[in-house]
Amino acid sequence: MANRNLEGLNVAILVTDGFEQVELVEPRKSLDEAGANTKIISPKQDKVRGWKFTEWGDQMPVDLALNQANPQQFDALLLPGGSSVLTNLE
């Protein structure tokens, strides 16, 4: 993806605690390198914590609370997987 020009594309990354960390970090890095603007959006206010295979991973800052996000401001959505993400986003 790094070879494509995504300059100005706004990408929402919707997560909560328990997302698979590698499924957020690596795609976000590629999107950012290609010029996209990425924002972590979550029902949690400050930080979310990832999952690294069999144990808790790193905490990451939330850029925008879900209740403040306007879908019309984004061009794409990234949904990192994880065992508890769908349950926690309901």
PDB file of N, CA and C in Angstrom:
ATOM      1  N   MET A   1       0.815  -1.191   0.000  1.00  0.00           N
ATOM      2  CA  MET A   1       0.000   0.000   0.000  1.00  0.00           C
ATOM      3  C   MET A   1       0.863   1.261   0.000  1.00  0.00           C
ATOM      4  N   ALA A   2       2.085   1.162   0.458  1.00  0.00           N
ATOM      5  CA  ALA A   2       2.946   2.328   0.568  1.00  0.00           C
ATOM      6  C   ALA A   2       3.259   2.953  -0.793  1.00  0.00           C
ATOM      7  N   ASN A   3       3.087   2.211  -1.880  1.00  0.00           N
ATOM      8  CA  ASN A   3       3.362   2.743  -3.205  1.00  0.00           C
ATOM      9  C   ASN A   3       2.208   3.578  -3.750  1.00  0.00           C
ATOM     10  N   ARG A   4       1.048   3.488  -3.152  1.00  0.00           N
ATOM     11  CA  ARG A   4      -0.102   4.243  -3.634  1.00  0.00           C
ATOM     12  C   ARG A   4      -0.165   5.601  -2.963  1.00  0.00           C
ATOM     13  N   ASN A   5      -0.777   6.526  -3.636  1.00  0.00           N
ATOM     14  CA  ASN A   5      -0.940   7.857  -3.079  1.00  0.00           C
ATOM     15  C   ASN A   5      -2.335   7.974  -2.478  1.00  0.00           C
ATOM     16  N   LEU A   6      -2.399   8.026  -1.173  1.00  0.00           N
ATOM     17  CA  LEU A   6      -3.671   8.161  -0.465  1.00  0.00           C
ATOM     18  C   LEU A   6      -3.776   9.522   0.214  1.00  0.00           C
ATOM     19  N   GLU A   7      -3.024  10.474  -0.304  1.00  0.00           N
ATOM     20  CA  GLU A   7      -2.983  11.814   0.269  1.00  0.00           C
ATOM     21  C   GLU A   7      -4.394  12.376   0.439  1.00  0.00           C
ATOM     22  N   GLY A   8      -4.699  12.782   1.676  1.00  0.00           N
ATOM     23  CA  GLY A   8      -5.981  13.406   1.951  1.00  0.00           C
ATOM     24  C   GLY A   8      -7.114  12.449   2.280  1.00  0.00           C
ATOM     25  N   LEU A   9      -6.878  11.149   2.175  1.00  0.00           N
ATOM     26  CA  LEU A   9      -7.904  10.163   2.514  1.00  0.00           C
ATOM     27  C   LEU A   9      -8.008  10.080   4.039  1.00  0.00           C
ATOM     28  N   ASN A  10      -9.207  10.210   4.573  1.00  0.00           N
ATOM     29  CA  ASN A  10      -9.434  10.131   6.012  1.00  0.00           C
ATOM     30  C   ASN A  10      -9.956   8.750   6.371  1.00  0.00           C
ATOM     31  N   VAL A  11      -9.216   8.058   7.235  1.00  0.00           N
ATOM     32  CA  VAL A  11      -9.548   6.684   7.592  1.00  0.00           C
ATOM     33  C   VAL A  11      -9.850   6.596   9.083  1.00  0.00           C
ATOM     34  N   ALA A  12     -11.041   6.108   9.412  1.00  0.00           N
ATOM     35  CA  ALA A  12     -11.419   5.850  10.792  1.00  0.00           C
ATOM     36  C   ALA A  12     -10.980   4.432  11.146  1.00  0.00           C
ATOM     37  N   ILE A  13     -10.341   4.277  12.292  1.00  0.00           N
ATOM     38  CA  ILE A  13      -9.948   2.962  12.792  1.00  0.00           C
ATOM     39  C   ILE A  13     -10.773   2.721  14.050  1.00  0.00           C
ATOM     40  N   LEU A  14     -11.766   1.857  13.942  1.00  0.00           N
ATOM     41  CA  LEU A  14     -12.712   1.631  15.033  1.00  0.00           C
ATOM     42  C   LEU A  14     -12.265   0.447  15.885  1.00  0.00           C
ATOM     43  N   VAL A  15     -11.959   0.718  17.157  1.00  0.00           N
ATOM     44  CA  VAL A  15     -11.491  -0.333  18.066  1.00  0.00           C
ATOM     45  C   VAL A  15     -11.967  -0.088  19.492  1.00  0.00           C
ATOM     46  N   THR A  16     -11.823  -1.115  20.290  1.00  0.00           N
ATOM     47  CA  THR A  16     -11.949  -1.020  21.730  1.00  0.00           C
ATOM     48  C   THR A  16     -10.962  -2.018  22.320  1.00  0.00           C
ATOM     49  N   ASP A  17     -10.904  -2.130  23.630  1.00  0.00           N
ATOM     50  CA  ASP A  17      -9.947  -3.036  24.258  1.00  0.00           C
ATOM     51  C   ASP A  17     -10.072  -4.447  23.692  1.00  0.00           C
ATOM     52  N   GLY A  18      -8.925  -5.072  23.458  1.00  0.00           N
ATOM     53  CA  GLY A  18      -8.893  -6.448  22.982  1.00  0.00           C
ATOM     54  C   GLY A  18      -8.691  -6.599  21.488  1.00  0.00           C
ATOM     55  N   PHE A  19      -8.500  -5.489  20.758  1.00  0.00           N
ATOM     56  CA  PHE A  19      -8.236  -5.605  19.324  1.00  0.00           C
ATOM     57  C   PHE A  19      -6.881  -6.275  19.121  1.00  0.00           C
ATOM     58  N   GLU A  20      -6.727  -6.975  18.011  1.00  0.00           N
ATOM     59  CA  GLU A  20      -5.450  -7.623  17.707  1.00  0.00           C
ATOM     60  C   GLU A  20      -4.479  -6.531  17.275  1.00  0.00           C
ATOM     61  N   GLN A  21      -3.466  -6.291  18.093  1.00  0.00           N
ATOM     62  CA  GLN A  21      -2.571  -5.152  17.918  1.00  0.00           C
ATOM     63  C   GLN A  21      -1.931  -5.085  16.536  1.00  0.00           C
ATOM     64  N   VAL A  22      -1.443  -6.205  16.034  1.00  0.00           N
ATOM     65  CA  VAL A  22      -0.785  -6.211  14.726  1.00  0.00           C
ATOM     66  C   VAL A  22      -1.764  -5.824  13.609  1.00  0.00           C
ATOM     67  N   GLU A  23      -3.052  -6.070  13.812  1.00  0.00           N
ATOM     68  CA  GLU A  23      -4.051  -5.731  12.800  1.00  0.00           C
ATOM     69  C   GLU A  23      -4.400  -4.247  12.793  1.00  0.00           C
ATOM     70  N   LEU A  24      -3.920  -3.520  13.776  1.00  0.00           N
ATOM     71  CA  LEU A  24      -4.055  -2.064  13.767  1.00  0.00           C
ATOM     72  C   LEU A  24      -2.733  -1.413  13.367  1.00  0.00           C
ATOM     73  N   VAL A  25      -1.660  -1.821  14.008  1.00  0.00           N
ATOM     74  CA  VAL A  25      -0.371  -1.146  13.851  1.00  0.00           C
ATOM     75  C   VAL A  25       0.156  -1.203  12.421  1.00  0.00           C
ATOM     76  N   GLU A  26       0.200  -2.391  11.841  1.00  0.00           N
ATOM     77  CA  GLU A  26       0.790  -2.536  10.503  1.00  0.00           C
ATOM     78  C   GLU A  26      -0.050  -1.857   9.411  1.00  0.00           C
ATOM     79  N   PRO A  27      -1.368  -2.079   9.363  1.00  0.00           N
ATOM     80  CA  PRO A  27      -2.161  -1.368   8.346  1.00  0.00           C
ATOM     81  C   PRO A  27      -2.127   0.150   8.533  1.00  0.00           C
ATOM     82  N   ARG A  28      -2.159   0.612   9.792  1.00  0.00           N
ATOM     83  CA  ARG A  28      -2.109   2.061  10.029  1.00  0.00           C
ATOM     84  C   ARG A  28      -0.794   2.644   9.537  1.00  0.00           C
ATOM     85  N   LYS A  29       0.297   1.946   9.795  1.00  0.00           N
ATOM     86  CA  LYS A  29       1.612   2.405   9.332  1.00  0.00           C
ATOM     87  C   LYS A  29       1.617   2.549   7.812  1.00  0.00           C
ATOM     88  N   SER A  30       1.091   1.550   7.112  1.00  0.00           N
ATOM     89  CA  SER A  30       1.042   1.601   5.644  1.00  0.00           C
ATOM     90  C   SER A  30       0.158   2.736   5.143  1.00  0.00           C
ATOM     91  N   LEU A  31      -0.989   2.901   5.782  1.00  0.00           N
ATOM     92  CA  LEU A  31      -1.889   3.994   5.389  1.00  0.00           C
ATOM     93  C   LEU A  31      -1.231   5.351   5.598  1.00  0.00           C
ATOM     94  N   ASP A  32      -0.611   5.537   6.764  1.00  0.00           N
ATOM     95  CA  ASP A  32       0.060   6.807   7.058  1.00  0.00           C
ATOM     96  C   ASP A  32       1.197   7.080   6.076  1.00  0.00           C
ATOM     97  N   GLU A  33       1.977   6.048   5.775  1.00  0.00           N
ATOM     98  CA  GLU A  33       3.089   6.209   4.826  1.00  0.00           C
ATOM     99  C   GLU A  33       2.595   6.571   3.433  1.00  0.00           C
ATOM    100  N   ALA A  34       1.391   6.143   3.096  1.00  0.00           N
ATOM    101  CA  ALA A  34       0.821   6.440   1.782  1.00  0.00           C
ATOM    102  C   ALA A  34       0.107   7.794   1.761  1.00  0.00           C
ATOM    103  N   GLY A  35       0.108   8.502   2.888  1.00  0.00           N
ATOM    104  CA  GLY A  35      -0.456   9.847   2.913  1.00  0.00           C
ATOM    105  C   GLY A  35      -1.843   9.968   3.509  1.00  0.00           C
ATOM    106  N   ALA A  36      -2.414   8.871   3.978  1.00  0.00           N
ATOM    107  CA  ALA A  36      -3.755   8.940   4.572  1.00  0.00           C
ATOM    108  C   ALA A  36      -3.684   9.555   5.967  1.00  0.00           C
ATOM    109  N   ASN A  37      -4.800  10.088   6.402  1.00  0.00           N
ATOM    110  CA  ASN A  37      -4.944  10.609   7.757  1.00  0.00           C
ATOM    111  C   ASN A  37      -5.757   9.585   8.543  1.00  0.00           C
ATOM    112  N   THR A  38      -5.134   8.954   9.539  1.00  0.00           N
ATOM    113  CA  THR A  38      -5.814   7.919  10.300  1.00  0.00           C
ATOM    114  C   THR A  38      -6.147   8.417  11.701  1.00  0.00           C
ATOM    115  N   LYS A  39      -7.289   7.983  12.206  1.00  0.00           N
ATOM    116  CA  LYS A  39      -7.698   8.330  13.559  1.00  0.00           C
ATOM    117  C   LYS A  39      -8.256   7.095  14.242  1.00  0.00           C
ATOM    118  N   ILE A  40      -7.794   6.841  15.461  1.00  0.00           N
ATOM    119  CA  ILE A  40      -8.354   5.767  16.274  1.00  0.00           C
ATOM    120  C   ILE A  40      -9.621   6.293  16.931  1.00  0.00           C
ATOM    121  N   ILE A  41     -10.713   5.589  16.683  1.00  0.00           N
ATOM    122  CA  ILE A  41     -12.020   5.960  17.225  1.00  0.00           C
ATOM    123  C   ILE A  41     -12.494   4.814  18.106  1.00  0.00           C
ATOM    124  N   SER A  42     -13.028   5.159  19.276  1.00  0.00           N
ATOM    125  CA  SER A  42     -13.424   4.127  20.221  1.00  0.00           C
ATOM    126  C   SER A  42     -14.530   4.629  21.142  1.00  0.00           C
ATOM    127  N   PRO A  43     -15.349   3.698  21.644  1.00  0.00           N
ATOM    128  CA  PRO A  43     -16.299   4.094  22.679  1.00  0.00           C
ATOM    129  C   PRO A  43     -15.583   4.454  23.982  1.00  0.00           C
ATOM    130  N   LYS A  44     -14.316   4.036  24.114  1.00  0.00           N
ATOM    131  CA  LYS A  44     -13.513   4.419  25.275  1.00  0.00           C
ATOM    132  C   LYS A  44     -12.960   5.820  25.027  1.00  0.00           C
ATOM    133  N   GLN A  45     -12.759   6.576  26.070  1.00  0.00           N
ATOM    134  CA  GLN A  45     -12.400   7.984  25.931  1.00  0.00           C
ATOM    135  C   GLN A  45     -10.909   8.263  25.727  1.00  0.00           C
ATOM    136  N   ASP A  46     -10.034   7.611  26.465  1.00  0.00           N
ATOM    137  CA  ASP A  46      -8.628   8.019  26.475  1.00  0.00           C
ATOM    138  C   ASP A  46      -7.682   7.062  25.755  1.00  0.00           C
ATOM    139  N   LYS A  47      -7.716   5.801  26.159  1.00  0.00           N
ATOM    140  CA  LYS A  47      -6.796   4.812  25.604  1.00  0.00           C
ATOM    141  C   LYS A  47      -7.517   3.488  25.397  1.00  0.00           C
ATOM    142  N   VAL A  48      -6.998   2.719  24.454  1.00  0.00           N
ATOM    143  CA  VAL A  48      -7.463   1.348  24.229  1.00  0.00           C
ATOM    144  C   VAL A  48      -6.252   0.435  24.334  1.00  0.00           C
ATOM    145  N   ARG A  49      -6.519  -0.797  24.715  1.00  0.00           N
ATOM    146  CA  ARG A  49      -5.410  -1.735  24.897  1.00  0.00           C
ATOM    147  C   ARG A  49      -5.535  -2.886  23.911  1.00  0.00           C
ATOM    148  N   GLY A  50      -4.440  -3.133  23.228  1.00  0.00           N
ATOM    149  CA  GLY A  50      -4.404  -4.200  22.233  1.00  0.00           C
ATOM    150  C   GLY A  50      -4.148  -5.560  22.844  1.00  0.00           C
ATOM    151  N   TRP A  51      -4.214  -6.562  21.989  1.00  0.00           N
ATOM    152  CA  TRP A  51      -3.948  -7.940  22.357  1.00  0.00           C
ATOM    153  C   TRP A  51      -2.831  -8.433  21.466  1.00  0.00           C
ATOM    154  N   LYS A  52      -1.798  -9.018  22.060  1.00  0.00           N
ATOM    155  CA  LYS A  52      -0.651  -9.538  21.303  1.00  0.00           C
ATOM    156  C   LYS A  52      -0.642 -11.059  21.398  1.00  0.00           C
ATOM    157  N   PHE A  53      -1.354 -11.676  20.485  1.00  0.00           N
ATOM    158  CA  PHE A  53      -1.399 -13.123  20.344  1.00  0.00           C
ATOM    159  C   PHE A  53      -1.990 -13.834  21.557  1.00  0.00           C
ATOM    160  N   THR A  54      -1.296 -13.889  22.693  1.00  0.00           N
ATOM    161  CA  THR A  54      -1.805 -14.615  23.862  1.00  0.00           C
ATOM    162  C   THR A  54      -1.790 -13.781  25.141  1.00  0.00           C
ATOM    163  N   GLU A  55      -1.484 -12.500  25.029  1.00  0.00           N
ATOM    164  CA  GLU A  55      -1.443 -11.646  26.211  1.00  0.00           C
ATOM    165  C   GLU A  55      -1.778 -10.209  25.838  1.00  0.00           C
ATOM    166  N   TRP A  56      -2.052  -9.413  26.851  1.00  0.00           N
ATOM    167  CA  TRP A  56      -2.352  -8.004  26.605  1.00  0.00           C
ATOM    168  C   TRP A  56      -1.161  -7.312  25.971  1.00  0.00           C
ATOM    169  N   GLY A  57      -1.453  -6.403  25.053  1.00  0.00           N
ATOM    170  CA  GLY A  57      -0.413  -5.651  24.361  1.00  0.00           C
ATOM    171  C   GLY A  57      -0.334  -4.222  24.864  1.00  0.00           C
ATOM    172  N   ASP A  58      -0.006  -3.328  23.949  1.00  0.00           N
ATOM    173  CA  ASP A  58       0.208  -1.922  24.282  1.00  0.00           C
ATOM    174  C   ASP A  58      -1.099  -1.149  24.373  1.00  0.00           C
ATOM    175  N   GLN A  59      -1.042  -0.045  25.103  1.00  0.00           N
ATOM    176  CA  GLN A  59      -2.149   0.898  25.113  1.00  0.00           C
ATOM    177  C   GLN A  59      -1.887   1.936  24.025  1.00  0.00           C
ATOM    178  N   MET A  60      -2.950   2.372  23.382  1.00  0.00           N
ATOM    179  CA  MET A  60      -2.834   3.372  22.328  1.00  0.00           C
ATOM    180  C   MET A  60      -3.835   4.485  22.601  1.00  0.00           C
ATOM    181  N   PRO A  61      -3.440   5.708  22.311  1.00  0.00           N
ATOM    182  CA  PRO A  61      -4.356   6.826  22.565  1.00  0.00           C
ATOM    183  C   PRO A  61      -5.527   6.834  21.590  1.00  0.00           C
ATOM    184  N   VAL A  62      -6.680   7.182  22.111  1.00  0.00           N
ATOM    185  CA  VAL A  62      -7.880   7.344  21.288  1.00  0.00           C
ATOM    186  C   VAL A  62      -7.861   8.769  20.748  1.00  0.00           C
ATOM    187  N   ASP A  63      -8.005   8.908  19.440  1.00  0.00           N
ATOM    188  CA  ASP A  63      -8.013  10.235  18.822  1.00  0.00           C
ATOM    189  C   ASP A  63      -9.379  10.904  18.907  1.00  0.00           C
ATOM    190  N   LEU A  64     -10.427  10.079  18.873  1.00  0.00           N
ATOM    191  CA  LEU A  64     -11.780  10.627  18.822  1.00  0.00           C
ATOM    192  C   LEU A  64     -12.745   9.633  19.446  1.00  0.00           C
ATOM    193  N   ALA A  65     -13.572  10.124  20.368  1.00  0.00           N
ATOM    194  CA  ALA A  65     -14.582   9.263  20.987  1.00  0.00           C
ATOM    195  C   ALA A  65     -15.655   8.924  19.956  1.00  0.00           C
ATOM    196  N   LEU A  66     -16.149   7.704  20.020  1.00  0.00           N
ATOM    197  CA  LEU A  66     -17.143   7.237  19.053  1.00  0.00           C
ATOM    198  C   LEU A  66     -18.372   8.140  19.017  1.00  0.00           C
ATOM    199  N   ASN A  67     -18.817   8.609  20.163  1.00  0.00           N
ATOM    200  CA  ASN A  67     -20.021   9.448  20.195  1.00  0.00           C
ATOM    201  C   ASN A  67     -19.784  10.850  19.629  1.00  0.00           C
ATOM    202  N   GLN A  68     -18.543  11.193  19.330  1.00  0.00           N
ATOM    203  CA  GLN A  68     -18.222  12.487  18.728  1.00  0.00           C
ATOM    204  C   GLN A  68     -17.832  12.365  17.259  1.00  0.00           C
ATOM    205  N   ALA A  69     -17.734  11.140  16.770  1.00  0.00           N
ATOM    206  CA  ALA A  69     -17.297  10.907  15.388  1.00  0.00           C
ATOM    207  C   ALA A  69     -18.443  11.137  14.409  1.00  0.00           C
ATOM    208  N   ASN A  70     -18.122  11.784  13.317  1.00  0.00           N
ATOM    209  CA  ASN A  70     -19.079  12.018  12.243  1.00  0.00           C
ATOM    210  C   ASN A  70     -18.662  11.155  11.050  1.00  0.00           C
ATOM    211  N   PRO A  71     -19.431  10.123  10.727  1.00  0.00           N
ATOM    212  CA  PRO A  71     -19.050   9.222   9.638  1.00  0.00           C
ATOM    213  C   PRO A  71     -18.805   9.938   8.315  1.00  0.00           C
ATOM    214  N   GLN A  72     -19.452  11.062   8.102  1.00  0.00           N
ATOM    215  CA  GLN A  72     -19.299  11.788   6.842  1.00  0.00           C
ATOM    216  C   GLN A  72     -17.928  12.440   6.703  1.00  0.00           C
ATOM    217  N   GLN A  73     -17.161  12.475   7.780  1.00  0.00           N
ATOM    218  CA  GLN A  73     -15.819  13.060   7.725  1.00  0.00           C
ATOM    219  C   GLN A  73     -14.757  12.038   7.306  1.00  0.00           C
ATOM    220  N   PHE A  74     -15.181  10.786   7.106  1.00  0.00           N
ATOM    221  CA  PHE A  74     -14.224   9.728   6.785  1.00  0.00           C
ATOM    222  C   PHE A  74     -14.537   9.097   5.433  1.00  0.00           C
ATOM    223  N   ASP A  75     -13.454   8.707   4.753  1.00  0.00           N
ATOM    224  CA  ASP A  75     -13.569   8.088   3.438  1.00  0.00           C
ATOM    225  C   ASP A  75     -13.507   6.568   3.512  1.00  0.00           C
ATOM    226  N   ALA A  76     -12.947   6.042   4.602  1.00  0.00           N
ATOM    227  CA  ALA A  76     -12.772   4.598   4.733  1.00  0.00           C
ATOM    228  C   ALA A  76     -12.782   4.211   6.202  1.00  0.00           C
ATOM    229  N   LEU A  77     -13.000   2.923   6.438  1.00  0.00           N
ATOM    230  CA  LEU A  77     -13.058   2.382   7.799  1.00  0.00           C
ATOM    231  C   LEU A  77     -12.152   1.163   7.881  1.00  0.00           C
ATOM    232  N   LEU A  78     -11.302   1.125   8.904  1.00  0.00           N
ATOM    233  CA  LEU A  78     -10.461  -0.026   9.203  1.00  0.00           C
ATOM    234  C   LEU A  78     -10.975  -0.643  10.495  1.00  0.00           C
ATOM    235  N   LEU A  79     -11.290  -1.948  10.451  1.00  0.00           N
ATOM    236  CA  LEU A  79     -11.790  -2.663  11.622  1.00  0.00           C
ATOM    237  C   LEU A  79     -10.806  -3.770  12.002  1.00  0.00           C
ATOM    238  N   PRO A  80      -9.820  -3.472  12.853  1.00  0.00           N
ATOM    239  CA  PRO A  80      -8.911  -4.520  13.295  1.00  0.00           C
ATOM    240  C   PRO A  80      -9.677  -5.585  14.063  1.00  0.00           C
ATOM    241  N   GLY A  81      -9.313  -6.844  13.859  1.00  0.00           N
ATOM    242  CA  GLY A  81      -9.988  -7.938  14.536  1.00  0.00           C
ATOM    243  C   GLY A  81      -9.496  -8.122  15.958  1.00  0.00           C
ATOM    244  N   GLY A  82     -10.077  -9.097  16.594  1.00  0.00           N
ATOM    245  CA  GLY A  82      -9.728  -9.440  17.956  1.00  0.00           C
ATOM    246  C   GLY A  82     -10.862 -10.224  18.574  1.00  0.00           C
ATOM    247  N   SER A  83     -10.539 -11.054  19.533  1.00  0.00           N
ATOM    248  CA  SER A  83     -11.546 -11.954  20.090  1.00  0.00           C
ATOM    249  C   SER A  83     -12.688 -11.245  20.788  1.00  0.00           C
ATOM    250  N   SER A  84     -12.450 -10.080  21.352  1.00  0.00           N
ATOM    251  CA  SER A  84     -13.525  -9.420  22.100  1.00  0.00           C
ATOM    252  C   SER A  84     -14.002  -8.118  21.480  1.00  0.00           C
ATOM    253  N   VAL A  85     -13.469  -7.750  20.345  1.00  0.00           N
ATOM    254  CA  VAL A  85     -13.803  -6.456  19.767  1.00  0.00           C
ATOM    255  C   VAL A  85     -15.287  -6.338  19.422  1.00  0.00           C
ATOM    256  N   LEU A  86     -15.821  -7.291  18.685  1.00  0.00           N
ATOM    257  CA  LEU A  86     -17.222  -7.181  18.288  1.00  0.00           C
ATOM    258  C   LEU A  86     -18.151  -7.174  19.489  1.00  0.00           C
ATOM    259  N   THR A  87     -17.865  -7.987  20.481  1.00  0.00           N
ATOM    260  CA  THR A  87     -18.683  -8.004  21.688  1.00  0.00           C
ATOM    261  C   THR A  87     -18.629  -6.660  22.410  1.00  0.00           C
ATOM    262  N   ASN A  88     -17.450  -6.089  22.506  1.00  0.00           N
ATOM    263  CA  ASN A  88     -17.270  -4.834  23.237  1.00  0.00           C
ATOM    264  C   ASN A  88     -17.766  -3.615  22.463  1.00  0.00           C
ATOM    265  N   LEU A  89     -17.897  -3.728  21.150  1.00  0.00           N
ATOM    266  CA  LEU A  89     -18.388  -2.594  20.354  1.00  0.00           C
ATOM    267  C   LEU A  89     -19.910  -2.563  20.275  1.00  0.00           C
ATOM    268  N   GLU A  90     -20.567  -3.615  20.695  1.00  0.00           N
ATOM    269  CA  GLU A  90     -22.027  -3.650  20.613  1.00  0.00           C
ATOM    270  C   GLU A  90     -22.656  -2.674  21.578  1.00  0.00           C
TER     271      GLU A  90
END
